[in-house]
Amino acid sequence: GKEREGVSCISSIGYTKYADSVKGRFTISRDNAK
């Protein structure tokens, strides 16, 4: 019943953003080797 919402994102060089609702609780990361 809700719209799709952004949670977090990470740029190609590691810049990150978080929705206010998850900030401090969620962490996005990338492992390019994997």
PDB file of all heavy atoms in Angstrom:
ATOM      1  N   GLY A   1       0.766  -1.224   0.000  1.00  0.00           N
ATOM      2  CA  GLY A   1       0.000   0.000   0.000  1.00  0.00           C
ATOM      3  C   GLY A   1       0.801   1.279   0.000  1.00  0.00           C
ATOM      4  O   GLY A   1       0.217   2.367   0.102  1.00  0.00           O
ATOM      5  N   LYS A   2       2.109   1.190  -0.112  1.00  0.00           N
ATOM      6  CA  LYS A   2       2.958   2.368  -0.083  1.00  0.00           C
ATOM      7  C   LYS A   2       3.781   2.472  -1.362  1.00  0.00           C
ATOM      8  O   LYS A   2       3.982   1.493  -2.074  1.00  0.00           O
ATOM      9  CB  LYS A   2       3.891   2.332   1.129  1.00  0.00           C
ATOM     10  CG  LYS A   2       3.177   2.330   2.469  1.00  0.00           C
ATOM     11  CD  LYS A   2       4.144   2.343   3.627  1.00  0.00           C
ATOM     12  CE  LYS A   2       4.920   3.651   3.696  1.00  0.00           C
ATOM     13  NZ  LYS A   2       5.810   3.700   4.888  1.00  0.00           N
ATOM     14  N   GLU A   3       4.247   3.676  -1.620  1.00  0.00           N
ATOM     15  CA  GLU A   3       5.108   3.906  -2.771  1.00  0.00           C
ATOM     16  C   GLU A   3       6.498   3.351  -2.511  1.00  0.00           C
ATOM     17  O   GLU A   3       6.948   3.241  -1.365  1.00  0.00           O
ATOM     18  CB  GLU A   3       5.203   5.396  -3.070  1.00  0.00           C
ATOM     19  CG  GLU A   3       3.889   6.051  -3.469  1.00  0.00           C
ATOM     20  CD  GLU A   3       3.417   5.599  -4.823  1.00  0.00           C
ATOM     21  OE1 GLU A   3       4.271   5.390  -5.715  1.00  0.00           O
ATOM     22  OE2 GLU A   3       2.204   5.442  -5.002  1.00  0.00           O
ATOM     23  N   ARG A   4       7.179   3.011  -3.594  1.00  0.00           N
ATOM     24  CA  ARG A   4       8.567   2.607  -3.480  1.00  0.00           C
ATOM     25  C   ARG A   4       9.397   3.806  -3.047  1.00  0.00           C
ATOM     26  O   ARG A   4       9.296   4.894  -3.618  1.00  0.00           O
ATOM     27  CB  ARG A   4       9.065   2.061  -4.812  1.00  0.00           C
ATOM     28  CG  ARG A   4      10.464   1.477  -4.758  1.00  0.00           C
ATOM     29  CD  ARG A   4      10.821   0.752  -6.046  1.00  0.00           C
ATOM     30  NE  ARG A   4       9.903  -0.356  -6.302  1.00  0.00           N
ATOM     31  CZ  ARG A   4      10.054  -1.234  -7.285  1.00  0.00           C
ATOM     32  NH1 ARG A   4      11.095  -1.151  -8.101  1.00  0.00           N
ATOM     33  NH2 ARG A   4       9.165  -2.199  -7.449  1.00  0.00           N
ATOM     34  N   GLU A   5      10.218   3.611  -2.037  1.00  0.00           N
ATOM     35  CA  GLU A   5      11.008   4.700  -1.502  1.00  0.00           C
ATOM     36  C   GLU A   5      12.487   4.351  -1.472  1.00  0.00           C
ATOM     37  O   GLU A   5      12.866   3.191  -1.304  1.00  0.00           O
ATOM     38  CB  GLU A   5      10.546   5.077  -0.086  1.00  0.00           C
ATOM     39  CG  GLU A   5      10.754   3.985   0.946  1.00  0.00           C
ATOM     40  CD  GLU A   5      10.452   4.434   2.362  1.00  0.00           C
ATOM     41  OE1 GLU A   5      10.389   5.651   2.618  1.00  0.00           O
ATOM     42  OE2 GLU A   5      10.277   3.553   3.230  1.00  0.00           O
ATOM     43  N   GLY A   6      13.297   5.363  -1.633  1.00  0.00           N
ATOM     44  CA  GLY A   6      14.726   5.180  -1.522  1.00  0.00           C
ATOM     45  C   GLY A   6      15.141   4.968  -0.084  1.00  0.00           C
ATOM     46  O   GLY A   6      14.680   5.676   0.818  1.00  0.00           O
ATOM     47  N   VAL A   7      16.014   4.022   0.129  1.00  0.00           N
ATOM     48  CA  VAL A   7      16.544   3.712   1.447  1.00  0.00           C
ATOM     49  C   VAL A   7      17.964   4.232   1.597  1.00  0.00           C
ATOM     50  O   VAL A   7      18.300   4.907   2.579  1.00  0.00           O
ATOM     51  CB  VAL A   7      16.501   2.196   1.710  1.00  0.00           C
ATOM     52  CG1 VAL A   7      17.136   1.864   3.059  1.00  0.00           C
ATOM     53  CG2 VAL A   7      15.071   1.683   1.645  1.00  0.00           C
ATOM     54  N   SER A   8      18.795   3.904   0.627  1.00  0.00           N
ATOM     55  CA  SER A   8      20.190   4.293   0.656  1.00  0.00           C
ATOM     56  C   SER A   8      20.753   4.173  -0.745  1.00  0.00           C
ATOM     57  O   SER A   8      20.225   3.433  -1.576  1.00  0.00           O
ATOM     58  CB  SER A   8      20.977   3.397   1.630  1.00  0.00           C
ATOM     59  OG  SER A   8      22.326   3.794   1.718  1.00  0.00           O
ATOM     60  N   CYS A   9      21.826   4.884  -1.009  1.00  0.00           N
ATOM     61  CA  CYS A   9      22.513   4.721  -2.274  1.00  0.00           C
ATOM     62  C   CYS A   9      23.997   4.962  -2.074  1.00  0.00           C
ATOM     63  O   CYS A   9      24.417   5.587  -1.093  1.00  0.00           O
ATOM     64  CB  CYS A   9      21.949   5.628  -3.372  1.00  0.00           C
ATOM     65  SG  CYS A   9      22.163   7.406  -3.132  1.00  0.00           S
ATOM     66  N   ILE A  10      24.772   4.459  -3.014  1.00  0.00           N
ATOM     67  CA  ILE A  10      26.219   4.613  -2.969  1.00  0.00           C
ATOM     68  C   ILE A  10      26.711   4.897  -4.382  1.00  0.00           C
ATOM     69  O   ILE A  10      26.319   4.227  -5.339  1.00  0.00           O
ATOM     70  CB  ILE A  10      26.895   3.371  -2.349  1.00  0.00           C
ATOM     71  CG1 ILE A  10      28.401   3.593  -2.189  1.00  0.00           C
ATOM     72  CG2 ILE A  10      26.602   2.106  -3.149  1.00  0.00           C
ATOM     73  CD1 ILE A  10      29.058   2.557  -1.280  1.00  0.00           C
ATOM     74  N   SER A  11      27.547   5.909  -4.513  1.00  0.00           N
ATOM     75  CA  SER A  11      28.076   6.273  -5.815  1.00  0.00           C
ATOM     76  C   SER A  11      29.181   5.314  -6.222  1.00  0.00           C
ATOM     77  O   SER A  11      29.610   4.445  -5.452  1.00  0.00           O
ATOM     78  CB  SER A  11      28.603   7.711  -5.793  1.00  0.00           C
ATOM     79  OG  SER A  11      29.879   7.785  -5.188  1.00  0.00           O
ATOM     80  N   SER A  12      29.663   5.489  -7.440  1.00  0.00           N
ATOM     81  CA  SER A  12      30.702   4.599  -7.946  1.00  0.00           C
ATOM     82  C   SER A  12      31.998   4.691  -7.154  1.00  0.00           C
ATOM     83  O   SER A  12      32.796   3.748  -7.180  1.00  0.00           O
ATOM     84  CB  SER A  12      30.966   4.879  -9.424  1.00  0.00           C
ATOM     85  OG  SER A  12      31.415   6.202  -9.612  1.00  0.00           O
ATOM     86  N   ILE A  13      32.227   5.803  -6.453  1.00  0.00           N
ATOM     87  CA  ILE A  13      33.439   5.935  -5.644  1.00  0.00           C
ATOM     88  C   ILE A  13      33.134   5.994  -4.154  1.00  0.00           C
ATOM     89  O   ILE A  13      33.999   6.376  -3.362  1.00  0.00           O
ATOM     90  CB  ILE A  13      34.279   7.145  -6.071  1.00  0.00           C
ATOM     91  CG1 ILE A  13      33.519   8.452  -5.895  1.00  0.00           C
ATOM     92  CG2 ILE A  13      34.758   6.980  -7.507  1.00  0.00           C
ATOM     93  CD1 ILE A  13      34.397   9.681  -6.044  1.00  0.00           C
ATOM     94  N   GLY A  14      31.924   5.622  -3.767  1.00  0.00           N
ATOM     95  CA  GLY A  14      31.657   5.429  -2.364  1.00  0.00           C
ATOM     96  C   GLY A  14      30.907   6.520  -1.636  1.00  0.00           C
ATOM     97  O   GLY A  14      30.747   6.428  -0.409  1.00  0.00           O
ATOM     98  N   TYR A  15      30.473   7.558  -2.323  1.00  0.00           N
ATOM     99  CA  TYR A  15      29.602   8.549  -1.702  1.00  0.00           C
ATOM    100  C   TYR A  15      28.288   7.889  -1.326  1.00  0.00           C
ATOM    101  O   TYR A  15      27.715   7.144  -2.127  1.00  0.00           O
ATOM    102  CB  TYR A  15      29.376   9.707  -2.663  1.00  0.00           C
ATOM    103  CG  TYR A  15      28.321  10.697  -2.241  1.00  0.00           C
ATOM    104  CD1 TYR A  15      28.657  11.808  -1.470  1.00  0.00           C
ATOM    105  CD2 TYR A  15      26.994  10.538  -2.631  1.00  0.00           C
ATOM    106  CE1 TYR A  15      27.693  12.726  -1.093  1.00  0.00           C
ATOM    107  CE2 TYR A  15      26.026  11.447  -2.245  1.00  0.00           C
ATOM    108  CZ  TYR A  15      26.374  12.537  -1.483  1.00  0.00           C
ATOM    109  OH  TYR A  15      25.409  13.446  -1.113  1.00  0.00           O
ATOM    110  N   THR A  16      27.782   8.161  -0.139  1.00  0.00           N
ATOM    111  CA  THR A  16      26.577   7.497   0.343  1.00  0.00           C
ATOM    112  C   THR A  16      25.518   8.498   0.770  1.00  0.00           C
ATOM    113  O   THR A  16      25.818   9.616   1.197  1.00  0.00           O
ATOM    114  CB  THR A  16      26.889   6.563   1.519  1.00  0.00           C
ATOM    115  OG1 THR A  16      27.473   7.320   2.592  1.00  0.00           O
ATOM    116  CG2 THR A  16      27.850   5.467   1.098  1.00  0.00           C
ATOM    117  N   LYS A  17      24.283   8.069   0.675  1.00  0.00           N
ATOM    118  CA  LYS A  17      23.128   8.801   1.170  1.00  0.00           C
ATOM    119  C   LYS A  17      22.195   7.825   1.855  1.00  0.00           C
ATOM    120  O   LYS A  17      22.158   6.641   1.525  1.00  0.00           O
ATOM    121  CB  LYS A  17      22.391   9.507   0.029  1.00  0.00           C
ATOM    122  CG  LYS A  17      23.166  10.618  -0.639  1.00  0.00           C
ATOM    123  CD  LYS A  17      22.419  11.183  -1.842  1.00  0.00           C
ATOM    124  CE  LYS A  17      21.129  11.866  -1.452  1.00  0.00           C
ATOM    125  NZ  LYS A  17      20.460  12.488  -2.626  1.00  0.00           N
ATOM    126  N   TYR A  18      21.429   8.358   2.805  1.00  0.00           N
ATOM    127  CA  TYR A  18      20.472   7.542   3.547  1.00  0.00           C
ATOM    128  C   TYR A  18      19.179   8.308   3.747  1.00  0.00           C
ATOM    129  O   TYR A  18      19.183   9.529   3.950  1.00  0.00           O
ATOM    130  CB  TYR A  18      21.017   7.165   4.924  1.00  0.00           C
ATOM    131  CG  TYR A  18      22.254   6.318   4.885  1.00  0.00           C
ATOM    132  CD1 TYR A  18      23.517   6.908   4.899  1.00  0.00           C
ATOM    133  CD2 TYR A  18      22.170   4.934   4.825  1.00  0.00           C
ATOM    134  CE1 TYR A  18      24.659   6.131   4.856  1.00  0.00           C
ATOM    135  CE2 TYR A  18      23.307   4.154   4.779  1.00  0.00           C
ATOM    136  CZ  TYR A  18      24.551   4.759   4.793  1.00  0.00           C
ATOM    137  OH  TYR A  18      25.685   3.983   4.751  1.00  0.00           O
ATOM    138  N   ALA A  19      18.089   7.580   3.702  1.00  0.00           N
ATOM    139  CA  ALA A  19      16.825   8.160   4.117  1.00  0.00           C
ATOM    140  C   ALA A  19      16.881   8.494   5.601  1.00  0.00           C
ATOM    141  O   ALA A  19      17.522   7.788   6.390  1.00  0.00           O
ATOM    142  CB  ALA A  19      15.681   7.184   3.842  1.00  0.00           C
ATOM    143  N   ASP A  20      16.213   9.570   5.988  1.00  0.00           N
ATOM    144  CA  ASP A  20      16.215   9.954   7.397  1.00  0.00           C
ATOM    145  C   ASP A  20      15.709   8.834   8.301  1.00  0.00           C
ATOM    146  O   ASP A  20      16.175   8.680   9.436  1.00  0.00           O
ATOM    147  CB  ASP A  20      15.368  11.206   7.597  1.00  0.00           C
ATOM    148  CG  ASP A  20      16.023  12.456   7.053  1.00  0.00           C
ATOM    149  OD1 ASP A  20      17.245  12.455   6.825  1.00  0.00           O
ATOM    150  OD2 ASP A  20      15.301  13.460   6.857  1.00  0.00           O
ATOM    151  N   SER A  21      14.783   8.046   7.799  1.00  0.00           N
ATOM    152  CA  SER A  21      14.185   7.006   8.608  1.00  0.00           C
ATOM    153  C   SER A  21      15.147   5.874   8.954  1.00  0.00           C
ATOM    154  O   SER A  21      14.891   5.116   9.896  1.00  0.00           O
ATOM    155  CB  SER A  21      12.956   6.429   7.896  1.00  0.00           C
ATOM    156  OG  SER A  21      13.307   5.887   6.642  1.00  0.00           O
ATOM    157  N   VAL A  22      16.237   5.744   8.212  1.00  0.00           N
ATOM    158  CA  VAL A  22      17.188   4.658   8.463  1.00  0.00           C
ATOM    159  C   VAL A  22      18.565   5.158   8.859  1.00  0.00           C
ATOM    160  O   VAL A  22      19.429   4.343   9.212  1.00  0.00           O
ATOM    161  CB  VAL A  22      17.309   3.718   7.248  1.00  0.00           C
ATOM    162  CG1 VAL A  22      15.938   3.241   6.793  1.00  0.00           C
ATOM    163  CG2 VAL A  22      18.057   4.389   6.101  1.00  0.00           C
ATOM    164  N   LYS A  23      18.781   6.448   8.828  1.00  0.00           N
ATOM    165  CA  LYS A  23      20.096   7.004   9.133  1.00  0.00           C
ATOM    166  C   LYS A  23      20.527   6.614  10.544  1.00  0.00           C
ATOM    167  O   LYS A  23      19.762   6.734  11.500  1.00  0.00           O
ATOM    168  CB  LYS A  23      20.067   8.522   8.968  1.00  0.00           C
ATOM    169  CG  LYS A  23      21.430   9.179   8.894  1.00  0.00           C
ATOM    170  CD  LYS A  23      21.301  10.658   8.505  1.00  0.00           C
ATOM    171  CE  LYS A  23      20.667  10.817   7.134  1.00  0.00           C
ATOM    172  NZ  LYS A  23      20.551  12.247   6.732  1.00  0.00           N
ATOM    173  N   GLY A  24      21.743   6.142  10.650  1.00  0.00           N
ATOM    174  CA  GLY A  24      22.260   5.687  11.923  1.00  0.00           C
ATOM    175  C   GLY A  24      21.993   4.230  12.214  1.00  0.00           C
ATOM    176  O   GLY A  24      22.584   3.678  13.157  1.00  0.00           O
ATOM    177  N   ARG A  25      21.120   3.607  11.451  1.00  0.00           N
ATOM    178  CA  ARG A  25      20.805   2.197  11.642  1.00  0.00           C
ATOM    179  C   ARG A  25      21.289   1.325  10.487  1.00  0.00           C
ATOM    180  O   ARG A  25      21.669   0.175  10.699  1.00  0.00           O
ATOM    181  CB  ARG A  25      19.298   1.998  11.810  1.00  0.00           C
ATOM    182  CG  ARG A  25      18.710   2.733  13.006  1.00  0.00           C
ATOM    183  CD  ARG A  25      17.257   2.334  13.233  1.00  0.00           C
ATOM    184  NE  ARG A  25      16.399   2.737  12.112  1.00  0.00           N
ATOM    185  CZ  ARG A  25      15.664   1.895  11.395  1.00  0.00           C
ATOM    186  NH1 ARG A  25      15.675   0.596  11.671  1.00  0.00           N
ATOM    187  NH2 ARG A  25      14.904   2.347  10.409  1.00  0.00           N
ATOM    188  N   PHE A  26      21.245   1.866   9.272  1.00  0.00           N
ATOM    189  CA  PHE A  26      21.617   1.112   8.078  1.00  0.00           C
ATOM    190  C   PHE A  26      22.946   1.623   7.543  1.00  0.00           C
ATOM    191  O   PHE A  26      23.260   2.815   7.648  1.00  0.00           O
ATOM    192  CB  PHE A  26      20.569   1.265   6.977  1.00  0.00           C
ATOM    193  CG  PHE A  26      19.245   0.607   7.237  1.00  0.00           C
ATOM    194  CD1 PHE A  26      18.912   0.089   8.479  1.00  0.00           C
ATOM    195  CD2 PHE A  26      18.317   0.505   6.210  1.00  0.00           C
ATOM    196  CE1 PHE A  26      17.683  -0.512   8.706  1.00  0.00           C
ATOM    197  CE2 PHE A  26      17.087  -0.092   6.419  1.00  0.00           C
ATOM    198  CZ  PHE A  26      16.771  -0.600   7.669  1.00  0.00           C
ATOM    199  N   THR A  27      23.703   0.734   6.934  1.00  0.00           N
ATOM    200  CA  THR A  27      24.966   1.090   6.305  1.00  0.00           C
ATOM    201  C   THR A  27      25.067   0.416   4.948  1.00  0.00           C
ATOM    202  O   THR A  27      24.913  -0.803   4.851  1.00  0.00           O
ATOM    203  CB  THR A  27      26.171   0.681   7.163  1.00  0.00           C
ATOM    204  OG1 THR A  27      26.075   1.279   8.458  1.00  0.00           O
ATOM    205  CG2 THR A  27      27.471   1.136   6.505  1.00  0.00           C
ATOM    206  N   ILE A  28      25.329   1.201   3.926  1.00  0.00           N
ATOM    207  CA  ILE A  28      25.529   0.662   2.591  1.00  0.00           C
ATOM    208  C   ILE A  28      27.029   0.597   2.314  1.00  0.00           C
ATOM    209  O   ILE A  28      27.791   1.470   2.738  1.00  0.00           O
ATOM    210  CB  ILE A  28      24.799   1.509   1.532  1.00  0.00           C
ATOM    211  CG1 ILE A  28      24.784   0.810   0.172  1.00  0.00           C
ATOM    212  CG2 ILE A  28      25.395   2.906   1.423  1.00  0.00           C
ATOM    213  CD1 ILE A  28      23.855   1.482  -0.842  1.00  0.00           C
ATOM    214  N   SER A  29      27.448  -0.439   1.627  1.00  0.00           N
ATOM    215  CA  SER A  29      28.848  -0.593   1.277  1.00  0.00           C
ATOM    216  C   SER A  29      28.952  -1.379  -0.020  1.00  0.00           C
ATOM    217  O   SER A  29      27.983  -2.012  -0.463  1.00  0.00           O
ATOM    218  CB  SER A  29      29.631  -1.290   2.396  1.00  0.00           C
ATOM    219  OG  SER A  29      29.137  -2.595   2.627  1.00  0.00           O
ATOM    220  N   ARG A  30      30.121  -1.326  -0.614  1.00  0.00           N
ATOM    221  CA  ARG A  30      30.335  -2.087  -1.835  1.00  0.00           C
ATOM    222  C   ARG A  30      31.667  -2.806  -1.775  1.00  0.00           C
ATOM    223  O   ARG A  30      32.648  -2.308  -1.215  1.00  0.00           O
ATOM    224  CB  ARG A  30      30.233  -1.192  -3.074  1.00  0.00           C
ATOM    225  CG  ARG A  30      31.257  -0.076  -3.173  1.00  0.00           C
ATOM    226  CD  ARG A  30      30.867   0.932  -4.262  1.00  0.00           C
ATOM    227  NE  ARG A  30      30.655   0.293  -5.553  1.00  0.00           N
ATOM    228  CZ  ARG A  30      29.830   0.732  -6.494  1.00  0.00           C
ATOM    229  NH1 ARG A  30      29.119   1.846  -6.296  1.00  0.00           N
ATOM    230  NH2 ARG A  30      29.707   0.076  -7.634  1.00  0.00           N
ATOM    231  N   ASP A  31      31.687  -3.991  -2.339  1.00  0.00           N
ATOM    232  CA  ASP A  31      32.890  -4.791  -2.467  1.00  0.00           C
ATOM    233  C   ASP A  31      33.063  -5.048  -3.955  1.00  0.00           C
ATOM    234  O   ASP A  31      32.457  -5.964  -4.515  1.00  0.00           O
ATOM    235  CB  ASP A  31      32.773  -6.091  -1.680  1.00  0.00           C
ATOM    236  CG  ASP A  31      34.057  -6.898  -1.673  1.00  0.00           C
ATOM    237  OD1 ASP A  31      34.914  -6.694  -2.556  1.00  0.00           O
ATOM    238  OD2 ASP A  31      34.211  -7.748  -0.775  1.00  0.00           O
ATOM    239  N   ASN A  32      33.879  -4.235  -4.591  1.00  0.00           N
ATOM    240  CA  ASN A  32      34.023  -4.338  -6.033  1.00  0.00           C
ATOM    241  C   ASN A  32      34.652  -5.664  -6.458  1.00  0.00           C
ATOM    242  O   ASN A  32      34.346  -6.177  -7.536  1.00  0.00           O
ATOM    243  CB  ASN A  32      34.847  -3.172  -6.570  1.00  0.00           C
ATOM    244  CG  ASN A  32      34.100  -1.859  -6.512  1.00  0.00           C
ATOM    245  OD1 ASN A  32      32.870  -1.824  -6.519  1.00  0.00           O
ATOM    246  ND2 ASN A  32      34.836  -0.756  -6.468  1.00  0.00           N
ATOM    247  N   ALA A  33      35.517  -6.217  -5.625  1.00  0.00           N
ATOM    248  CA  ALA A  33      36.133  -7.495  -5.956  1.00  0.00           C
ATOM    249  C   ALA A  33      35.099  -8.605  -6.055  1.00  0.00           C
ATOM    250  O   ALA A  33      35.268  -9.548  -6.830  1.00  0.00           O
ATOM    251  CB  ALA A  33      37.204  -7.853  -4.936  1.00  0.00           C
ATOM    252  N   LYS A  34      34.048  -8.502  -5.257  1.00  0.00           N
ATOM    253  CA  LYS A  34      32.975  -9.495  -5.286  1.00  0.00           C
ATOM    254  C   LYS A  34      31.805  -9.063  -6.145  1.00  0.00           C
ATOM    255  O   LYS A  34      30.813  -9.798  -6.248  1.00  0.00           O
ATOM    256  CB  LYS A  34      32.490  -9.785  -3.872  1.00  0.00           C
ATOM    257  CG  LYS A  34      33.546 -10.413  -2.977  1.00  0.00           C
ATOM    258  CD  LYS A  34      32.990 -10.690  -1.588  1.00  0.00           C
ATOM    259  CE  LYS A  34      34.034 -11.337  -0.703  1.00  0.00           C
ATOM    260  NZ  LYS A  34      33.523 -11.590   0.662  1.00  0.00           N
TER     261      LYS A  34
END
